[in-house]
Amino acid sequence: MKTSKLLLLASLAAAASFAAQADEADASQYGVQFQGALSRAQVQAELGQYKKAGVNPWSTSYNQIAASKAIRTRADVSAEYLAARDQVAALNGEDSGSAYLTQTAVRGTAASTNLAGQPRNSAR
């Protein structure tokens, strides 16, 4: 009985000490002060512009697609997809495209990477 009372008292003391530490975080205790890049007047002016335009890109209901304009036609995108689908299938294959890359690698281009060996312009 005495042990259970002691255990209960210890757990209550631990809970009370934890609750005492759980207060609001204060940035000043860490030596960090937030300084915004814009003044309050600038922020208010920017907000007024968005309200006047009727568009707020930070709104949860902002629709990005409504203001976008296509620069390529559907036929162009389809043709690009058909041209690249074999390459994509090879790169997403079982070997992660290793066989495809070794067959199509061209030495000396910017896309190739030499990991070991002598540089081309080294003095031997």
Protein backbone atom coordinates (compact mmCIF):
# COMPACT_ATOMS: atom_id res chain seq x y z
CA MET A 1 0.00 0.00 0.00
CA LYS A 2 2.82 2.34 0.91
CA THR A 3 4.57 1.62 -2.40
CA SER A 4 1.46 2.39 -4.48
CA LYS A 5 0.97 5.72 -2.66
CA LEU A 6 4.59 6.60 -3.26
CA LEU A 7 4.29 5.66 -6.95
CA LEU A 8 1.11 7.74 -7.29
CA LEU A 9 2.78 10.71 -5.61
CA ALA A 10 5.82 10.43 -7.89
CA SER A 11 3.68 10.27 -11.03
CA LEU A 12 1.66 13.31 -9.93
CA ALA A 13 4.85 15.24 -9.25
CA ALA A 14 6.20 14.30 -12.69
CA ALA A 15 2.96 15.38 -14.39
CA ALA A 16 2.96 18.68 -12.53
CA SER A 17 6.55 19.43 -13.47
CA PHE A 18 5.83 18.62 -17.13
CA ALA A 19 2.78 20.90 -17.14
CA ALA A 20 4.86 23.71 -15.65
CA GLN A 21 7.28 23.53 -18.60
CA ALA A 22 4.58 23.53 -21.28
CA ASP A 23 4.09 27.24 -21.79
CA GLU A 24 4.22 29.44 -24.88
CA ALA A 25 7.46 29.57 -26.83
CA ASP A 26 9.08 32.96 -26.69
CA ALA A 27 11.48 33.83 -29.51
CA SER A 28 13.42 36.20 -27.27
CA GLN A 29 14.60 33.34 -25.06
CA TYR A 30 16.44 31.89 -28.08
CA GLY A 31 17.96 35.18 -29.16
CA VAL A 32 15.99 35.22 -32.43
CA GLN A 33 13.93 38.19 -33.49
CA PHE A 34 11.73 38.15 -36.59
CA GLN A 35 12.10 41.11 -38.89
CA GLY A 36 9.76 41.17 -41.89
CA ALA A 37 11.02 42.33 -45.27
CA LEU A 38 7.99 44.58 -45.82
CA SER A 39 6.48 47.22 -43.62
CA ARG A 40 2.89 46.96 -42.40
CA ALA A 41 1.82 49.67 -44.87
CA GLN A 42 3.38 47.77 -47.79
CA VAL A 43 1.65 44.55 -46.79
CA GLN A 44 -1.69 46.35 -46.45
CA ALA A 45 -1.21 47.97 -49.89
CA GLU A 46 -0.43 44.57 -51.44
CA LEU A 47 -3.52 43.07 -49.84
CA GLY A 48 -5.60 45.95 -51.22
CA GLN A 49 -4.27 45.24 -54.73
CA TYR A 50 -5.26 41.58 -54.50
CA LYS A 51 -8.72 42.46 -53.20
CA LYS A 52 -9.16 45.01 -56.00
CA ALA A 53 -8.07 42.49 -58.65
CA GLY A 54 -10.26 39.79 -57.13
CA VAL A 55 -7.37 37.30 -57.13
CA ASN A 56 -5.43 36.20 -54.08
CA PRO A 57 -2.79 33.55 -54.88
CA TRP A 58 -2.47 32.71 -51.16
CA SER A 59 -6.18 31.88 -50.87
CA THR A 60 -7.19 28.25 -50.37
CA SER A 61 -9.71 28.65 -53.18
CA TYR A 62 -7.22 30.15 -55.68
CA ASN A 63 -7.45 28.41 -59.05
CA GLN A 64 -4.13 28.58 -60.87
CA ILE A 65 -5.47 26.97 -64.02
CA ALA A 66 -8.15 29.64 -64.53
CA ALA A 67 -5.48 32.29 -65.21
CA SER A 68 -3.14 30.09 -67.24
CA LYS A 69 -2.81 30.20 -71.00
CA ALA A 70 -1.62 27.26 -73.09
CA ILE A 71 1.41 27.94 -75.25
CA ARG A 72 1.52 24.50 -76.90
CA THR A 73 -1.20 22.67 -78.75
CA ARG A 74 -2.58 19.27 -77.82
CA ALA A 75 -1.08 17.83 -81.03
CA ASP A 76 2.41 19.07 -80.05
CA VAL A 77 2.18 17.49 -76.60
CA SER A 78 0.87 14.21 -78.03
CA ALA A 79 3.69 14.08 -80.59
CA GLU A 80 6.29 14.73 -77.88
CA TYR A 81 4.80 11.98 -75.73
CA LEU A 82 4.85 9.47 -78.60
CA ALA A 83 8.46 10.35 -79.40
CA ALA A 84 9.60 9.93 -75.79
CA ARG A 85 7.49 6.96 -74.67
CA ASP A 86 10.07 4.30 -75.69
CA GLN A 87 12.79 6.13 -73.78
CA VAL A 88 10.56 6.52 -70.73
CA ALA A 89 9.62 2.83 -70.82
CA ALA A 90 13.30 1.88 -71.02
CA LEU A 91 14.30 4.17 -68.15
CA ASN A 92 11.48 2.84 -65.97
CA GLY A 93 12.28 -0.78 -66.79
CA GLU A 94 13.43 -3.56 -64.53
CA ASP A 95 17.06 -2.46 -64.65
CA SER A 96 16.19 1.23 -64.15
CA GLY A 97 17.38 2.01 -67.65
CA SER A 98 20.95 0.73 -67.31
CA ALA A 99 20.86 -1.28 -70.54
CA TYR A 100 19.23 1.58 -72.45
CA LEU A 101 21.78 4.09 -71.18
CA THR A 102 24.76 1.89 -72.08
CA GLN A 103 23.40 1.36 -75.61
CA THR A 104 22.69 5.01 -76.25
CA ALA A 105 25.58 6.64 -74.40
CA VAL A 106 27.67 8.88 -76.62
CA ARG A 107 31.17 9.52 -75.38
CA GLY A 108 32.40 13.08 -75.14
CA THR A 109 29.03 14.78 -74.89
CA ALA A 110 27.93 16.94 -72.01
CA ALA A 111 25.47 14.23 -70.95
CA SER A 112 28.19 11.62 -70.39
CA THR A 113 30.18 11.58 -67.18
CA ASN A 114 33.66 10.18 -66.68
CA LEU A 115 34.10 8.91 -63.17
CA ALA A 116 37.67 7.64 -63.47
CA GLY A 117 40.56 7.98 -65.88
CA GLN A 118 42.73 10.66 -67.38
CA PRO A 119 41.32 13.97 -68.60
CA ARG A 120 41.37 14.43 -72.39
CA ASN A 121 43.77 17.33 -72.31
CA SER A 122 46.18 15.99 -69.72
CA ALA A 123 49.89 16.01 -70.31
CA ARG A 124 51.01 12.41 -70.06
